Amino acid sequence: MNIKKKLLYIFTLGVLILLTAFSSSAMSMTMPIADIVSDNQGRILSVSYRGDTAFYPGNSVEGVLSAWQKGADMVSVSVRKTKDNVYVLCEDESLGNVCNAPYEDIGEATFEEIRSYYLYDNTGELTEYKMSSLQELLANTDLRLYLILDIEWEDRDSIYELLKKENAHQRVALRTKQSARKISQWCETKADKISVIGIYDGNIIWNSISHINKLSEAGMTLVQYQSKNYFNVMYGSWTTDNFSAEGKARALAPAYNPDLCGQRSDSESGWNELISKGFTVIETNNVEALAQYIEKNMEVRSNLSSLLEKAKAVDTARFSITSKENLSDAIEKAEAVLHGRIKSLDEAENAYSKLIFYMNEMKISDGEETTKGALNITAGKIIATVTVGAAIFLAQVFVHKQHRKKKDK
């Protein structure tokens, strides 16, 4: 192959690699929010409530981007309409509660007027940040950032058209307290699918299960359950077992407010309990801490998987019946954590501790043969085998030479 052909070959190969990388990246960035959420046996997902409110005003673009950079899978923002029909990121109908504007109602001011004022932070202090429109947020955020929009139900069609115009309808979910039936009926009228999160805060088990089923049948992947009552039926297995069923929506827990998640704390203890109940999407004010919790959960699960593989390969023939039963129970618990519904960090750590405890008790170490009939090959054993083989070979050569000498004499 001459130099020109070699250069052409290298150039073509480089272009193909770049195109493959670009197309793969583009596909991952445009994955619909429904696909991200739909795996109810995958990983815990985090939703940052109103963005990184520890450092930025709630519903600010800066806070949304900061939350995403700190590990949020999704960020929830609230949307309201101004006098000139611009949708802005604002939770409170009263402007005076979120910024230093003199208007009583957000519908009394135009977007241009609102942009001349500054937002308050979560302590009530005035900041340098200003209110943004929904369109600005969509234009300034990466395609990999997924949003939940809390909307007024009467604005659903206008917001849907705006999302379509910005090509953002697949990475945004609308959230409403509207009934599951009305949500399903509205979604059926849309040619291009959009995700809607229904909120259920009742106390009747049959209604709650019906709510899950209706939204799941409509292709919705998230249902928010909320209650101030710690013992609400929504936290019982009769209801939450429905979340782990194939094709059913996942449960979102609004942990940022104890009055919405049965007085549970927005911390590791609260998350452990909510996840153990079946809530595998957590909305939080502590996005960085929750991201670390999820990462640690995945790490423990990975270690547990490796340990489980080794435990299942143990030859238990030489152990007592009690030891065999203990190890079997620990293996069963580990398998339950690694398969089926997502488990909490607490459950994963307990399963790992139990399995390692009984393996240590049986004195099963990394250097010990654990598989029936299998060779435990190590670098040391290979060296020893080669050395022994060489010695035998040299001995045979020596004997042969001595035999030749005797024969020649």
Protein backbone atom coordinates (compact mmCIF):
# COMPACT_ATOMS: atom_id res chain seq x y z
CA MET A 1 0.00 0.00 0.00
CA ASN A 2 1.55 3.36 -1.06
CA ILE A 3 1.67 6.47 1.19
CA LYS A 4 -1.34 8.19 -0.43
CA LYS A 5 -3.53 5.14 0.03
CA LYS A 6 -2.38 4.76 3.62
CA LEU A 7 -3.23 8.40 4.38
CA LEU A 8 -6.64 8.06 2.72
CA TYR A 9 -7.32 4.89 4.73
CA ILE A 10 -6.36 6.57 8.02
CA PHE A 11 -8.47 9.66 7.21
CA THR A 12 -11.54 7.57 6.31
CA LEU A 13 -11.19 5.47 9.46
CA GLY A 14 -10.93 8.62 11.59
CA VAL A 15 -14.07 10.10 10.03
CA LEU A 16 -16.02 6.87 10.65
CA ILE A 17 -14.94 6.82 14.30
CA LEU A 18 -15.96 10.46 14.78
CA LEU A 19 -19.34 9.88 13.10
CA THR A 20 -19.98 6.82 15.27
CA ALA A 21 -19.09 8.71 18.44
CA PHE A 22 -21.25 11.66 17.44
CA SER A 23 -24.28 9.54 16.57
CA SER A 24 -23.97 7.56 19.83
CA SER A 25 -23.70 10.79 21.81
CA ALA A 26 -26.67 12.31 20.02
CA MET A 27 -28.79 9.22 20.67
CA SER A 28 -27.95 9.23 24.38
CA MET A 29 -28.70 12.95 24.70
CA THR A 30 -32.09 12.67 23.04
CA MET A 31 -33.30 9.59 24.90
CA PRO A 32 -36.91 10.25 25.99
CA ILE A 33 -37.52 10.87 29.67
CA ALA A 34 -39.95 7.93 29.62
CA ASP A 35 -37.08 5.58 28.71
CA ILE A 36 -34.87 6.97 31.48
CA VAL A 37 -37.58 6.35 34.07
CA SER A 38 -39.16 3.15 32.75
CA ASP A 39 -36.62 0.68 34.14
CA ASN A 40 -38.15 -0.02 37.56
CA GLN A 41 -35.41 -2.58 38.25
CA GLY A 42 -32.52 -0.28 37.33
CA ARG A 43 -31.23 2.45 39.62
CA ILE A 44 -32.65 4.99 42.05
CA LEU A 45 -33.34 8.34 40.36
CA SER A 46 -32.97 11.78 41.92
CA VAL A 47 -35.14 14.84 41.26
CA SER A 48 -33.85 18.20 42.46
CA TYR A 49 -36.77 20.24 43.79
CA ARG A 50 -36.61 23.72 42.19
CA GLY A 51 -32.87 23.40 41.55
CA ASP A 52 -29.88 23.92 43.82
CA THR A 53 -31.72 26.12 46.33
CA ALA A 54 -28.85 26.00 48.86
CA PHE A 55 -26.90 28.38 46.62
CA TYR A 56 -29.41 29.86 44.16
CA PRO A 57 -33.03 31.09 44.19
CA GLY A 58 -35.60 28.39 43.54
CA ASN A 59 -36.72 28.08 39.90
CA SER A 60 -33.70 30.02 38.61
CA VAL A 61 -31.85 28.80 35.53
CA GLU A 62 -28.58 29.02 37.46
CA GLY A 63 -29.99 26.80 40.21
CA VAL A 64 -31.31 24.27 37.71
CA LEU A 65 -27.94 23.94 35.97
CA SER A 66 -26.10 23.70 39.31
CA ALA A 67 -28.38 20.86 40.46
CA TRP A 68 -27.76 18.96 37.26
CA GLN A 69 -23.98 19.41 37.60
CA LYS A 70 -24.21 18.03 41.16
CA GLY A 71 -25.78 14.80 39.96
CA ALA A 72 -29.54 15.32 39.63
CA ASP A 73 -31.21 13.03 37.09
CA MET A 74 -34.10 15.48 36.78
CA VAL A 75 -34.95 18.96 38.05
CA SER A 76 -38.48 20.11 38.87
CA VAL A 77 -39.57 23.70 38.26
CA SER A 78 -42.90 25.47 38.50
CA VAL A 79 -44.35 27.40 35.56
CA ARG A 80 -46.78 30.33 35.51
CA LYS A 81 -48.06 32.73 32.84
CA THR A 82 -47.45 36.49 32.70
CA LYS A 83 -49.79 39.22 31.49
CA ASP A 84 -48.37 38.91 27.95
CA ASN A 85 -48.67 35.10 27.94
CA VAL A 86 -45.02 34.27 28.57
CA TYR A 87 -44.43 31.17 30.69
CA VAL A 88 -41.93 31.94 33.44
CA LEU A 89 -40.23 29.84 36.12
CA CYS A 90 -42.17 30.82 39.20
CA GLU A 91 -43.97 28.87 41.90
CA ASP A 92 -45.90 31.56 43.76
CA GLU A 93 -48.78 33.42 42.14
CA SER A 94 -47.77 36.49 44.14
CA LEU A 95 -44.70 38.13 42.63
CA GLY A 96 -43.87 39.92 45.88
CA ASN A 97 -43.07 36.55 47.49
CA VAL A 98 -40.36 35.61 44.99
CA CYS A 99 -38.83 38.91 43.86
CA ASN A 100 -38.83 42.65 44.66
CA ALA A 101 -41.63 43.44 42.23
CA PRO A 102 -44.54 45.68 43.36
CA TYR A 103 -47.18 43.66 41.51
CA GLU A 104 -49.51 41.48 43.58
CA ASP A 105 -50.15 38.91 40.90
CA ILE A 106 -47.85 37.49 38.22
CA GLY A 107 -50.64 37.88 35.69
CA GLU A 108 -50.56 41.65 36.20
CA ALA A 109 -47.03 42.13 34.85
CA THR A 110 -45.40 41.59 31.48
CA PHE A 111 -42.27 39.48 31.16
CA GLU A 112 -40.20 42.56 30.31
CA GLU A 113 -41.36 44.25 33.52
CA ILE A 114 -40.62 41.17 35.61
CA ARG A 115 -37.10 40.97 34.18
CA SER A 116 -36.24 44.30 35.81
CA TYR A 117 -36.56 42.79 39.31
CA TYR A 118 -34.41 40.41 41.36
CA LEU A 119 -35.20 37.07 42.96
CA TYR A 120 -35.11 36.27 46.68
CA ASP A 121 -33.21 33.23 47.93
CA ASN A 122 -34.67 30.64 50.31
CA THR A 123 -33.81 32.83 53.31
CA GLY A 124 -35.62 35.88 51.93
CA GLU A 125 -32.44 37.75 50.94
CA LEU A 126 -32.37 39.62 47.64
CA THR A 127 -29.97 38.13 45.05
CA GLU A 128 -28.41 39.16 41.75
CA TYR A 129 -30.48 36.61 39.83
CA LYS A 130 -33.55 37.32 37.72
CA MET A 131 -36.62 35.35 36.72
CA SER A 132 -36.36 33.44 33.45
CA SER A 133 -38.87 32.24 30.93
CA LEU A 134 -39.44 28.55 30.24
CA GLN A 135 -38.20 29.13 26.70
CA GLU A 136 -34.91 30.52 28.04
CA LEU A 137 -34.44 27.49 30.27
CA LEU A 138 -35.03 25.09 27.39
CA ALA A 139 -32.60 27.02 25.19
CA ASN A 140 -29.86 27.17 27.84
CA THR A 141 -29.89 23.61 29.12
CA ASP A 142 -28.13 20.57 27.74
CA LEU A 143 -30.24 17.94 25.99
CA ARG A 144 -29.26 15.46 28.71
CA LEU A 145 -31.02 17.52 31.38
CA TYR A 146 -34.51 16.23 32.09
CA LEU A 147 -37.17 18.51 33.55
CA ILE A 148 -40.41 18.10 35.47
CA LEU A 149 -42.77 21.03 34.98
CA ASP A 150 -45.44 21.74 37.59
CA ILE A 151 -48.21 23.36 35.55
CA GLU A 152 -51.73 24.67 35.79
CA TRP A 153 -53.85 22.08 33.97
CA GLU A 154 -55.53 24.72 31.79
CA ASP A 155 -52.11 25.64 30.35
CA ARG A 156 -51.31 22.09 29.23
CA ASP A 157 -51.95 22.60 25.49
CA SER A 158 -50.02 25.86 25.24
CA ILE A 159 -47.06 24.42 27.14
CA TYR A 160 -47.18 21.26 25.03
CA GLU A 161 -46.95 23.36 21.84
CA LEU A 162 -44.05 25.36 23.29
CA LEU A 163 -42.19 22.16 24.17
CA LYS A 164 -42.83 20.82 20.66
CA LYS A 165 -41.53 24.04 19.13
CA GLU A 166 -38.33 23.79 21.18
CA ASN A 167 -38.04 20.04 20.43
CA ALA A 168 -38.08 19.39 24.18
CA HIS A 169 -41.28 17.36 24.59
CA GLN A 170 -39.37 14.09 25.01
CA ARG A 171 -37.09 15.32 27.83
CA VAL A 172 -39.81 17.05 29.85
CA ALA A 173 -42.59 15.60 32.00
CA LEU A 174 -45.62 17.62 33.04
CA ARG A 175 -46.91 17.18 36.61
CA THR A 176 -50.48 17.72 37.73
CA LYS A 177 -53.03 16.76 40.37
CA GLN A 178 -55.55 16.03 37.64
CA SER A 179 -57.25 12.62 37.71
CA ALA A 180 -55.63 9.65 35.97
CA ARG A 181 -58.63 9.38 33.63
CA LYS A 182 -58.32 13.00 32.42
CA ILE A 183 -54.56 12.67 32.01
CA SER A 184 -55.02 9.51 29.92
CA GLN A 185 -57.72 11.12 27.76
CA TRP A 186 -55.59 14.19 27.10
CA CYS A 187 -52.49 12.18 26.22
CA GLU A 188 -54.49 10.17 23.69
CA THR A 189 -55.19 13.38 21.73
CA LYS A 190 -51.48 14.05 21.19
CA ALA A 191 -49.76 12.59 18.16
CA ASP A 192 -46.34 13.05 19.77
CA LYS A 193 -46.11 11.38 23.15
CA ILE A 194 -45.36 13.42 26.25
CA SER A 195 -44.93 12.17 29.80
CA VAL A 196 -47.33 13.32 32.51
CA ILE A 197 -46.86 12.64 36.23
CA GLY A 198 -50.11 12.19 38.08
CA ILE A 199 -50.25 13.07 41.79
CA TYR A 200 -52.31 10.94 44.14
CA ASP A 201 -52.83 12.03 47.75
CA GLY A 202 -55.93 10.08 48.76
CA ASN A 203 -56.32 7.37 51.39
CA ILE A 204 -58.30 4.66 49.60
CA ILE A 205 -56.26 1.68 48.51
CA TRP A 206 -58.46 0.70 45.55
CA ASN A 207 -58.38 4.25 44.19
CA SER A 208 -54.61 4.43 44.54
CA ILE A 209 -54.08 1.14 42.67
CA SER A 210 -56.56 2.24 40.01
CA HIS A 211 -54.54 5.46 39.64
CA ILE A 212 -51.34 3.45 39.06
CA ASN A 213 -53.01 1.14 36.55
CA LYS A 214 -54.70 3.88 34.50
CA LEU A 215 -51.51 5.91 34.14
CA SER A 216 -49.44 2.81 33.39
CA GLU A 217 -51.87 1.77 30.67
CA ALA A 218 -51.56 5.26 29.17
CA GLY A 219 -47.78 4.81 28.98
CA MET A 220 -46.95 7.08 31.89
CA THR A 221 -43.77 6.07 33.71
CA LEU A 222 -44.07 8.05 36.98
CA VAL A 223 -46.74 8.42 39.66
CA GLN A 224 -46.31 10.72 42.64
CA TYR A 225 -47.77 9.48 45.91
CA GLN A 226 -47.95 11.87 48.83
CA SER A 227 -49.47 11.98 52.30
CA LYS A 228 -48.81 13.57 55.66
CA ASN A 229 -49.89 10.35 57.37
CA TYR A 230 -46.96 8.03 58.11
CA PHE A 231 -49.29 5.00 58.03
CA ASN A 232 -51.15 5.94 54.85
CA VAL A 233 -52.12 2.94 52.69
CA MET A 234 -49.85 4.32 49.97
CA TYR A 235 -46.87 3.21 52.07
CA GLY A 236 -48.18 -0.35 52.46
CA SER A 237 -47.09 -3.37 50.45
CA TRP A 238 -50.55 -3.84 48.96
CA THR A 239 -50.05 -0.62 47.05
CA THR A 240 -46.30 -0.37 46.59
CA ASP A 241 -45.93 -3.92 45.26
CA ASN A 242 -47.69 -2.60 42.15
CA PHE A 243 -44.72 -0.36 41.39
CA SER A 244 -42.34 -3.28 40.92
CA ALA A 245 -44.62 -5.10 38.47
CA GLU A 246 -43.54 -5.19 34.84
CA GLY A 247 -45.01 -2.36 32.77
CA LYS A 248 -46.15 -0.35 35.80
CA ALA A 249 -45.21 3.22 36.61
CA ARG A 250 -42.50 3.98 39.15
CA ALA A 251 -43.30 5.77 42.40
CA LEU A 252 -41.98 9.25 43.09
CA ALA A 253 -41.64 10.40 46.72
CA PRO A 254 -41.54 14.16 47.43
CA ALA A 255 -39.01 13.88 50.26
CA TYR A 256 -38.26 17.62 50.20
CA ASN A 257 -41.40 18.17 52.29
CA PRO A 258 -42.12 15.92 55.31
CA ASP A 259 -45.82 16.74 55.00
CA LEU A 260 -45.84 15.03 51.59
CA CYS A 261 -43.93 11.85 52.43
CA GLY A 262 -45.37 10.67 55.71
CA GLN A 263 -43.16 12.88 57.89
CA ARG A 264 -40.01 11.15 56.64
CA SER A 265 -36.79 13.13 56.56
CA ASP A 266 -35.01 14.26 53.41
CA SER A 267 -31.86 12.38 54.43
CA GLU A 268 -30.30 8.91 54.23
CA SER A 269 -32.64 7.47 56.88
CA GLY A 270 -35.70 8.84 55.10
CA TRP A 271 -34.51 7.71 51.67
CA ASN A 272 -33.74 4.22 52.97
CA GLU A 273 -37.25 3.83 54.30
CA LEU A 274 -39.00 5.28 51.25
CA ILE A 275 -37.00 3.12 48.85
CA SER A 276 -37.59 0.02 50.94
CA LYS A 277 -41.32 0.78 50.59
CA GLY A 278 -41.05 0.87 46.79
CA PHE A 279 -40.44 4.56 46.04
CA THR A 280 -37.46 4.54 43.67
CA VAL A 281 -37.58 8.15 42.47
CA ILE A 282 -36.80 10.68 45.21
CA GLU A 283 -37.44 14.41 44.95
CA THR A 284 -35.06 16.24 47.23
CA ASN A 285 -33.65 19.53 48.46
CA ASN A 286 -30.33 17.76 49.14
CA VAL A 287 -29.39 16.86 45.59
CA GLU A 288 -25.64 16.46 46.17
CA ALA A 289 -26.13 14.19 49.19
CA LEU A 290 -28.71 12.09 47.36
CA ALA A 291 -26.41 11.74 44.33
CA GLN A 292 -23.67 10.44 46.66
CA TYR A 293 -26.16 8.06 48.31
CA ILE A 294 -27.15 6.64 44.90
CA GLU A 295 -23.51 6.29 43.84
CA LYS A 296 -22.68 4.45 47.06
CA ASN A 297 -25.71 2.18 46.58
CA MET A 298 -24.47 1.23 43.10
CA GLU A 299 -20.96 0.58 44.46
CA VAL A 300 -22.24 -1.69 47.25
CA ARG A 301 -24.43 -3.57 44.77
CA SER A 302 -21.42 -4.10 42.50
CA ASN A 303 -19.32 -5.43 45.39
CA LEU A 304 -22.21 -7.62 46.50
CA SER A 305 -22.52 -9.07 43.00
CA SER A 306 -18.83 -10.03 42.96
CA LEU A 307 -19.05 -11.54 46.43
CA LEU A 308 -22.20 -13.45 45.53
CA GLU A 309 -20.50 -15.02 42.52
CA LYS A 310 -17.72 -16.30 44.75
CA ALA A 311 -20.10 -17.49 47.48
CA LYS A 312 -22.13 -19.54 44.99
CA ALA A 313 -18.96 -21.28 43.84
CA VAL A 314 -18.06 -22.52 47.35
CA ASP A 315 -17.76 -26.29 47.78
CA THR A 316 -19.77 -26.75 50.97
CA ALA A 317 -19.21 -30.49 51.28
CA ARG A 318 -16.66 -30.12 54.10
CA PHE A 319 -18.78 -27.70 56.17
CA SER A 320 -21.41 -28.35 58.83
CA ILE A 321 -25.14 -28.31 58.10
CA THR A 322 -25.53 -25.07 60.07
CA SER A 323 -22.77 -23.35 58.08
CA LYS A 324 -24.33 -24.53 54.82
CA GLU A 325 -27.76 -23.19 55.84
CA ASN A 326 -26.34 -19.84 56.97
CA LEU A 327 -24.47 -19.37 53.72
CA SER A 328 -27.52 -20.41 51.71
CA ASP A 329 -29.70 -17.83 53.52
CA ALA A 330 -27.10 -15.11 52.93
CA ILE A 331 -26.91 -16.00 49.23
CA GLU A 332 -30.71 -15.88 48.97
CA LYS A 333 -30.81 -12.43 50.58
CA ALA A 334 -28.07 -11.14 48.27
CA GLU A 335 -29.92 -12.41 45.21
CA ALA A 336 -33.11 -10.69 46.41
CA VAL A 337 -31.22 -7.39 46.66
CA LEU A 338 -29.63 -7.71 43.23
CA HIS A 339 -32.74 -8.85 41.37
CA GLY A 340 -36.27 -7.47 41.15
CA ARG A 341 -37.32 -4.17 42.68
CA ILE A 342 -34.57 -1.66 43.48
CA LYS A 343 -33.43 -1.89 47.10
CA SER A 344 -32.19 0.82 49.45
CA LEU A 345 -28.57 1.35 50.44
CA ASP A 346 -29.41 0.01 53.89
CA GLU A 347 -30.77 -3.25 52.43
CA ALA A 348 -27.76 -3.64 50.11
CA GLU A 349 -25.26 -3.06 52.93
CA ASN A 350 -27.07 -5.52 55.22
CA ALA A 351 -27.01 -8.20 52.53
CA TYR A 352 -23.30 -7.65 51.91
CA SER A 353 -22.48 -7.73 55.64
CA LYS A 354 -24.42 -10.95 56.15
CA LEU A 355 -22.76 -12.70 53.22
CA ILE A 356 -19.21 -11.62 54.12
CA PHE A 357 -19.81 -12.58 57.76
CA TYR A 358 -20.72 -16.20 56.99
CA MET A 359 -17.97 -16.51 54.39
CA ASN A 360 -15.42 -15.30 56.95
CA GLU A 361 -16.89 -17.63 59.54
CA MET A 362 -16.30 -20.52 57.13
CA LYS A 363 -12.76 -19.17 56.57
CA ILE A 364 -13.32 -18.69 52.85
CA SER A 365 -10.56 -16.39 51.62
CA ASP A 366 -9.44 -15.10 48.23
CA GLY A 367 -6.61 -17.62 48.08
CA GLU A 368 -8.78 -20.64 48.79
CA GLU A 369 -10.18 -23.01 46.19
CA THR A 370 -13.93 -22.62 46.20
CA THR A 371 -15.21 -24.35 43.09
CA LYS A 372 -15.94 -28.04 42.95
CA GLY A 373 -13.55 -29.74 40.53
CA ALA A 374 -12.13 -26.44 39.26
CA LEU A 375 -8.48 -25.42 39.32
CA ASN A 376 -7.62 -22.35 41.34
CA ILE A 377 -4.86 -21.03 39.05
CA THR A 378 -2.63 -18.25 40.32
CA ALA A 379 0.64 -16.66 39.13
CA GLY A 380 2.53 -18.43 41.93
CA LYS A 381 1.15 -21.80 40.94
CA ILE A 382 2.11 -21.24 37.30
CA ILE A 383 5.69 -20.34 38.25
CA ALA A 384 5.93 -23.36 40.57
CA THR A 385 4.65 -25.68 37.87
CA VAL A 386 7.09 -24.35 35.27
CA THR A 387 9.99 -24.64 37.75
CA VAL A 388 9.13 -28.22 38.64
CA GLY A 389 8.73 -29.13 34.99
CA ALA A 390 12.11 -27.63 34.12
CA ALA A 391 13.77 -29.51 36.99
CA ILE A 392 12.29 -32.80 35.83
CA PHE A 393 13.41 -32.13 32.28
CA LEU A 394 17.00 -31.29 33.37
CA ALA A 395 17.09 -34.39 35.57
CA GLN A 396 16.05 -36.53 32.63
CA VAL A 397 18.77 -34.96 30.44
CA PHE A 398 21.40 -35.61 33.16
CA VAL A 399 20.34 -39.25 33.58
CA HIS A 400 20.38 -39.75 29.82
CA LYS A 401 23.93 -38.33 29.53
CA GLN A 402 25.19 -40.52 32.38
CA HIS A 403 23.65 -43.54 30.72
CA ARG A 404 25.41 -42.66 27.41
CA LYS A 405 28.78 -42.30 29.17
CA LYS A 406 28.46 -45.73 30.77
CA LYS A 407 27.48 -47.25 27.46
CA ASP A 408 30.45 -45.67 25.62
CA LYS A 409 32.87 -47.12 28.18
